[in-house]
Amino acid sequence: MTLIDQTHGGTFDDHDVAAYYAYRPPYPPELYRFLLDLVPSRRRALDLGCGPGKIARVLAGHFDRVEAVDPASAMIEAGRRQANALPNIEWLATTAEDAPLIGPYDLGRGLISFSPDAD
């Protein structure tokens, strides 16, 4: 059962929008150092609102398993294409509320994108 109003979330399920994410600048290395310093164990990571998986792909190099969750199937498809050599990422095209998640996780990261109302 999804509890969040997804009225404007459909924008992220557009294949062109997902393709544009490849041109966004990368996150700074300090972000990854900060996240990795938080956890002594690196078995499982959870990336909620992963988009095309920029963070999930980096985490996959440090964790045994990464679960990448996003409600936009176009974003998940883009992530799968870009991470074809990373078999330790499980891509889930669903909301966080509906994802079949079973913890524990060593690291959890979540992001919600807010889009201003055009009116």
N, C-alpha and C. Protein backbone atom coordinates (compact mmCIF):
# COMPACT_ATOMS: atom_id res chain seq x y z
N MET A 1 0.84 -1.19 0.00
CA MET A 1 0.00 0.00 0.00
C MET A 1 0.88 1.24 0.00
N THR A 2 0.79 2.07 -1.01
CA THR A 2 1.57 3.30 -1.12
C THR A 2 0.86 4.42 -0.37
N LEU A 3 1.61 5.10 0.50
CA LEU A 3 1.03 6.15 1.32
C LEU A 3 1.32 7.55 0.80
N ILE A 4 2.24 7.68 -0.13
CA ILE A 4 2.66 8.98 -0.63
C ILE A 4 1.91 9.32 -1.92
N ASP A 5 1.46 10.56 -2.03
CA ASP A 5 0.79 11.01 -3.25
C ASP A 5 1.82 11.08 -4.37
N GLN A 6 1.61 10.32 -5.41
CA GLN A 6 2.56 10.23 -6.52
C GLN A 6 2.09 11.01 -7.74
N THR A 7 1.29 12.05 -7.54
CA THR A 7 0.71 12.81 -8.64
C THR A 7 1.78 13.31 -9.61
N HIS A 8 2.86 13.87 -9.11
CA HIS A 8 3.91 14.43 -9.98
C HIS A 8 5.09 13.49 -10.15
N GLY A 9 5.09 12.36 -9.46
CA GLY A 9 6.20 11.43 -9.54
C GLY A 9 6.37 10.77 -10.88
N GLY A 10 5.33 10.81 -11.72
CA GLY A 10 5.42 10.19 -13.04
C GLY A 10 6.50 10.79 -13.92
N THR A 11 6.91 12.01 -13.63
CA THR A 11 7.98 12.65 -14.39
C THR A 11 9.24 11.78 -14.40
N PHE A 12 9.51 11.14 -13.26
CA PHE A 12 10.73 10.35 -13.13
C PHE A 12 10.63 9.01 -13.83
N ASP A 13 9.43 8.64 -14.28
CA ASP A 13 9.25 7.38 -14.98
C ASP A 13 9.32 7.56 -16.49
N ASP A 14 9.77 8.70 -16.93
CA ASP A 14 9.95 9.01 -18.34
C ASP A 14 11.36 8.58 -18.75
N HIS A 15 11.46 7.82 -19.84
CA HIS A 15 12.77 7.32 -20.28
C HIS A 15 13.74 8.44 -20.63
N ASP A 16 13.24 9.54 -21.18
CA ASP A 16 14.13 10.67 -21.49
C ASP A 16 14.68 11.31 -20.21
N VAL A 17 13.84 11.46 -19.21
CA VAL A 17 14.30 12.02 -17.92
C VAL A 17 15.37 11.10 -17.33
N ALA A 18 15.13 9.81 -17.35
CA ALA A 18 16.11 8.85 -16.83
C ALA A 18 17.42 8.94 -17.60
N ALA A 19 17.35 9.11 -18.92
CA ALA A 19 18.57 9.22 -19.73
C ALA A 19 19.36 10.47 -19.40
N TYR A 20 18.67 11.57 -19.07
CA TYR A 20 19.36 12.82 -18.73
C TYR A 20 20.19 12.69 -17.46
N TYR A 21 19.81 11.80 -16.58
CA TYR A 21 20.55 11.62 -15.33
C TYR A 21 22.00 11.22 -15.57
N ALA A 22 22.29 10.61 -16.69
CA ALA A 22 23.68 10.24 -17.01
C ALA A 22 24.57 11.46 -17.15
N TYR A 23 23.97 12.62 -17.40
CA TYR A 23 24.75 13.85 -17.60
C TYR A 23 24.84 14.71 -16.34
N ARG A 24 24.21 14.27 -15.28
CA ARG A 24 24.32 15.01 -14.02
C ARG A 24 25.71 14.81 -13.46
N PRO A 25 26.27 15.80 -12.79
CA PRO A 25 27.61 15.63 -12.22
C PRO A 25 27.62 14.55 -11.16
N PRO A 26 28.75 13.88 -10.99
CA PRO A 26 28.83 12.84 -9.97
C PRO A 26 28.80 13.44 -8.56
N TYR A 27 28.41 12.62 -7.62
CA TYR A 27 28.47 13.06 -6.23
C TYR A 27 29.94 13.11 -5.81
N PRO A 28 30.29 14.01 -4.88
CA PRO A 28 31.70 14.14 -4.48
C PRO A 28 32.18 12.91 -3.71
N PRO A 29 33.46 12.57 -3.84
CA PRO A 29 34.01 11.42 -3.11
C PRO A 29 33.82 11.53 -1.60
N GLU A 30 33.74 12.75 -1.10
CA GLU A 30 33.55 12.95 0.35
C GLU A 30 32.23 12.34 0.82
N LEU A 31 31.22 12.34 -0.03
CA LEU A 31 29.94 11.74 0.33
C LEU A 31 30.12 10.26 0.61
N TYR A 32 30.83 9.58 -0.27
CA TYR A 32 31.02 8.14 -0.11
C TYR A 32 31.91 7.84 1.09
N ARG A 33 32.94 8.64 1.29
CA ARG A 33 33.80 8.44 2.48
C ARG A 33 32.98 8.59 3.75
N PHE A 34 32.10 9.62 3.77
CA PHE A 34 31.25 9.85 4.93
C PHE A 34 30.35 8.65 5.19
N LEU A 35 29.67 8.16 4.14
CA LEU A 35 28.77 7.03 4.30
C LEU A 35 29.51 5.77 4.74
N LEU A 36 30.64 5.50 4.11
CA LEU A 36 31.38 4.28 4.43
C LEU A 36 31.99 4.34 5.83
N ASP A 37 32.35 5.52 6.29
CA ASP A 37 32.89 5.66 7.65
C ASP A 37 31.82 5.41 8.72
N LEU A 38 30.56 5.47 8.34
CA LEU A 38 29.48 5.26 9.31
C LEU A 38 29.33 3.80 9.72
N VAL A 39 29.78 2.89 8.89
CA VAL A 39 29.49 1.48 9.13
C VAL A 39 30.76 0.62 9.19
N PRO A 40 30.91 -0.15 10.26
CA PRO A 40 32.07 -1.05 10.33
C PRO A 40 31.89 -2.31 9.49
N SER A 41 30.64 -2.74 9.31
CA SER A 41 30.35 -3.94 8.53
C SER A 41 29.77 -3.53 7.19
N ARG A 42 30.14 -4.24 6.17
CA ARG A 42 29.69 -3.86 4.82
C ARG A 42 29.12 -5.06 4.07
N ARG A 43 28.14 -5.69 4.70
CA ARG A 43 27.49 -6.81 4.03
C ARG A 43 26.36 -6.33 3.12
N ARG A 44 25.41 -5.55 3.69
CA ARG A 44 24.22 -5.18 2.92
C ARG A 44 23.95 -3.69 3.03
N ALA A 45 23.64 -3.08 1.88
CA ALA A 45 23.27 -1.66 1.83
C ALA A 45 21.92 -1.53 1.14
N LEU A 46 21.17 -0.52 1.55
CA LEU A 46 19.86 -0.24 0.98
C LEU A 46 19.87 1.19 0.46
N ASP A 47 19.49 1.36 -0.81
CA ASP A 47 19.44 2.68 -1.43
C ASP A 47 18.00 2.94 -1.88
N LEU A 48 17.28 3.73 -1.08
CA LEU A 48 15.88 4.06 -1.37
C LEU A 48 15.82 5.34 -2.20
N GLY A 49 15.02 5.33 -3.25
CA GLY A 49 14.97 6.49 -4.14
C GLY A 49 16.27 6.57 -4.94
N CYS A 50 16.72 5.42 -5.41
CA CYS A 50 18.05 5.30 -6.03
C CYS A 50 18.15 5.96 -7.40
N GLY A 51 17.03 6.28 -8.05
CA GLY A 51 17.12 6.82 -9.40
C GLY A 51 17.84 5.82 -10.28
N PRO A 52 18.76 6.27 -11.13
CA PRO A 52 19.50 5.34 -11.99
C PRO A 52 20.69 4.70 -11.29
N GLY A 53 20.78 4.88 -9.98
CA GLY A 53 21.77 4.12 -9.21
C GLY A 53 23.17 4.67 -9.11
N LYS A 54 23.33 5.99 -9.22
CA LYS A 54 24.69 6.54 -9.11
C LYS A 54 25.34 6.16 -7.78
N ILE A 55 24.59 6.27 -6.70
CA ILE A 55 25.15 5.92 -5.39
C ILE A 55 25.20 4.40 -5.23
N ALA A 56 24.17 3.70 -5.66
CA ALA A 56 24.14 2.24 -5.54
C ALA A 56 25.34 1.60 -6.24
N ARG A 57 25.71 2.11 -7.40
CA ARG A 57 26.83 1.53 -8.14
C ARG A 57 28.14 1.70 -7.38
N VAL A 58 28.33 2.83 -6.74
CA VAL A 58 29.55 3.03 -5.95
C VAL A 58 29.52 2.13 -4.71
N LEU A 59 28.37 2.08 -4.04
CA LEU A 59 28.26 1.23 -2.86
C LEU A 59 28.51 -0.24 -3.19
N ALA A 60 28.14 -0.66 -4.39
CA ALA A 60 28.34 -2.06 -4.80
C ALA A 60 29.81 -2.46 -4.76
N GLY A 61 30.69 -1.51 -4.90
CA GLY A 61 32.13 -1.80 -4.81
C GLY A 61 32.62 -1.98 -3.39
N HIS A 62 31.75 -1.70 -2.41
CA HIS A 62 32.15 -1.76 -1.01
C HIS A 62 31.30 -2.70 -0.17
N PHE A 63 30.16 -3.14 -0.70
CA PHE A 63 29.24 -4.00 0.03
C PHE A 63 29.05 -5.31 -0.72
N ASP A 64 28.74 -6.37 0.02
CA ASP A 64 28.47 -7.66 -0.62
C ASP A 64 27.20 -7.59 -1.47
N ARG A 65 26.20 -6.84 -0.98
CA ARG A 65 24.91 -6.77 -1.67
C ARG A 65 24.32 -5.38 -1.47
N VAL A 66 23.74 -4.84 -2.54
CA VAL A 66 23.05 -3.55 -2.49
C VAL A 66 21.65 -3.75 -3.06
N GLU A 67 20.65 -3.28 -2.34
CA GLU A 67 19.29 -3.28 -2.85
C GLU A 67 18.94 -1.85 -3.23
N ALA A 68 18.65 -1.63 -4.50
CA ALA A 68 18.37 -0.31 -5.05
C ALA A 68 16.89 -0.23 -5.38
N VAL A 69 16.18 0.70 -4.73
CA VAL A 69 14.72 0.78 -4.84
C VAL A 69 14.32 2.15 -5.39
N ASP A 70 13.46 2.15 -6.40
CA ASP A 70 12.92 3.39 -6.94
C ASP A 70 11.56 3.08 -7.55
N PRO A 71 10.56 3.95 -7.35
CA PRO A 71 9.25 3.68 -7.92
C PRO A 71 9.18 3.88 -9.43
N ALA A 72 10.16 4.54 -10.02
CA ALA A 72 10.15 4.82 -11.46
C ALA A 72 10.88 3.70 -12.21
N SER A 73 10.14 2.91 -12.95
CA SER A 73 10.74 1.79 -13.68
C SER A 73 11.77 2.26 -14.71
N ALA A 74 11.57 3.46 -15.29
CA ALA A 74 12.55 3.98 -16.25
C ALA A 74 13.90 4.22 -15.57
N MET A 75 13.88 4.68 -14.33
CA MET A 75 15.13 4.89 -13.58
C MET A 75 15.80 3.55 -13.29
N ILE A 76 15.01 2.56 -12.88
CA ILE A 76 15.57 1.24 -12.59
C ILE A 76 16.16 0.62 -13.86
N GLU A 77 15.47 0.75 -14.98
CA GLU A 77 16.00 0.23 -16.25
C GLU A 77 17.32 0.90 -16.61
N ALA A 78 17.41 2.22 -16.44
CA ALA A 78 18.66 2.94 -16.72
C ALA A 78 19.76 2.46 -15.80
N GLY A 79 19.43 2.25 -14.53
CA GLY A 79 20.42 1.75 -13.58
C GLY A 79 20.93 0.37 -13.95
N ARG A 80 20.04 -0.49 -14.33
CA ARG A 80 20.45 -1.85 -14.75
C ARG A 80 21.39 -1.79 -15.95
N ARG A 81 21.07 -0.94 -16.92
CA ARG A 81 21.93 -0.83 -18.11
C ARG A 81 23.31 -0.31 -17.74
N GLN A 82 23.37 0.66 -16.86
CA GLN A 82 24.65 1.28 -16.51
C GLN A 82 25.47 0.40 -15.57
N ALA A 83 24.85 -0.54 -14.89
CA ALA A 83 25.55 -1.37 -13.91
C ALA A 83 25.63 -2.83 -14.34
N ASN A 84 25.69 -3.08 -15.63
CA ASN A 84 25.62 -4.45 -16.13
C ASN A 84 26.74 -5.35 -15.60
N ALA A 85 27.84 -4.80 -15.16
CA ALA A 85 28.95 -5.61 -14.65
C ALA A 85 28.92 -5.72 -13.13
N LEU A 86 27.84 -5.29 -12.49
CA LEU A 86 27.75 -5.32 -11.03
C LEU A 86 26.61 -6.26 -10.60
N PRO A 87 26.91 -7.54 -10.48
CA PRO A 87 25.86 -8.51 -10.17
C PRO A 87 25.36 -8.45 -8.72
N ASN A 88 26.00 -7.68 -7.86
CA ASN A 88 25.58 -7.64 -6.46
C ASN A 88 24.56 -6.54 -6.16
N ILE A 89 23.99 -5.93 -7.21
CA ILE A 89 22.92 -4.96 -7.01
C ILE A 89 21.60 -5.62 -7.41
N GLU A 90 20.63 -5.56 -6.50
CA GLU A 90 19.28 -6.00 -6.83
C GLU A 90 18.45 -4.75 -7.08
N TRP A 91 17.88 -4.64 -8.27
CA TRP A 91 17.10 -3.47 -8.67
C TRP A 91 15.62 -3.75 -8.44
N LEU A 92 14.94 -2.88 -7.70
CA LEU A 92 13.53 -3.07 -7.38
C LEU A 92 12.73 -1.85 -7.82
N ALA A 93 11.87 -2.04 -8.81
CA ALA A 93 11.03 -0.95 -9.31
C ALA A 93 9.73 -0.94 -8.52
N THR A 94 9.77 -0.30 -7.38
CA THR A 94 8.61 -0.23 -6.50
C THR A 94 8.85 0.88 -5.47
N THR A 95 7.82 1.20 -4.73
CA THR A 95 7.99 2.18 -3.65
C THR A 95 8.66 1.52 -2.46
N ALA A 96 9.20 2.33 -1.58
CA ALA A 96 9.81 1.81 -0.36
C ALA A 96 8.78 1.07 0.47
N GLU A 97 7.55 1.59 0.48
CA GLU A 97 6.50 0.96 1.28
C GLU A 97 6.13 -0.43 0.76
N ASP A 98 6.23 -0.62 -0.54
CA ASP A 98 5.82 -1.88 -1.14
C ASP A 98 6.98 -2.84 -1.44
N ALA A 99 8.21 -2.39 -1.25
CA ALA A 99 9.37 -3.22 -1.55
C ALA A 99 9.47 -4.39 -0.57
N PRO A 100 9.85 -5.56 -1.08
CA PRO A 100 9.99 -6.74 -0.21
C PRO A 100 11.34 -6.71 0.52
N LEU A 101 11.48 -5.78 1.43
CA LEU A 101 12.75 -5.58 2.13
C LEU A 101 12.78 -6.39 3.42
N ILE A 102 13.87 -7.08 3.61
CA ILE A 102 14.07 -7.84 4.84
C ILE A 102 15.46 -7.49 5.36
N GLY A 103 15.50 -6.76 6.47
CA GLY A 103 16.77 -6.36 7.07
C GLY A 103 17.42 -7.52 7.80
N PRO A 104 18.50 -7.26 8.46
CA PRO A 104 19.06 -5.93 8.70
C PRO A 104 19.97 -5.48 7.56
N TYR A 105 20.17 -4.17 7.53
CA TYR A 105 21.09 -3.55 6.58
C TYR A 105 22.20 -2.87 7.36
N ASP A 106 23.38 -2.88 6.81
CA ASP A 106 24.50 -2.19 7.45
C ASP A 106 24.45 -0.69 7.18
N LEU A 107 23.87 -0.33 6.03
CA LEU A 107 23.73 1.08 5.66
C LEU A 107 22.43 1.25 4.90
N GLY A 108 21.69 2.27 5.27
CA GLY A 108 20.49 2.62 4.54
C GLY A 108 20.56 4.08 4.13
N ARG A 109 20.22 4.36 2.88
CA ARG A 109 20.25 5.72 2.38
C ARG A 109 18.95 5.97 1.65
N GLY A 110 18.33 7.10 1.89
CA GLY A 110 17.08 7.39 1.23
C GLY A 110 17.04 8.81 0.73
N LEU A 111 16.33 9.00 -0.37
CA LEU A 111 16.19 10.32 -0.96
C LEU A 111 14.80 10.44 -1.54
N ILE A 112 14.20 11.55 -1.28
CA ILE A 112 12.92 11.86 -1.89
C ILE A 112 13.13 13.10 -2.74
N SER A 113 12.73 13.05 -3.99
CA SER A 113 12.84 14.21 -4.86
C SER A 113 11.57 15.02 -4.77
N PHE A 114 11.73 16.30 -4.60
CA PHE A 114 10.60 17.19 -4.56
C PHE A 114 10.60 18.03 -5.83
N SER A 115 9.46 18.09 -6.47
CA SER A 115 9.31 18.93 -7.66
C SER A 115 8.34 20.03 -7.34
N PRO A 116 8.70 21.29 -7.60
CA PRO A 116 7.77 22.38 -7.32
C PRO A 116 6.53 22.28 -8.19
N ASP A 117 5.43 22.67 -7.64
CA ASP A 117 4.17 22.67 -8.38
C ASP A 117 4.23 23.75 -9.46
N ALA A 118 3.86 23.40 -10.67
CA ALA A 118 3.94 24.34 -11.79
C ALA A 118 2.89 25.44 -11.71
N ASP A 119 1.87 25.27 -10.87
CA ASP A 119 0.80 26.26 -10.79
C ASP A 119 1.20 27.46 -9.98
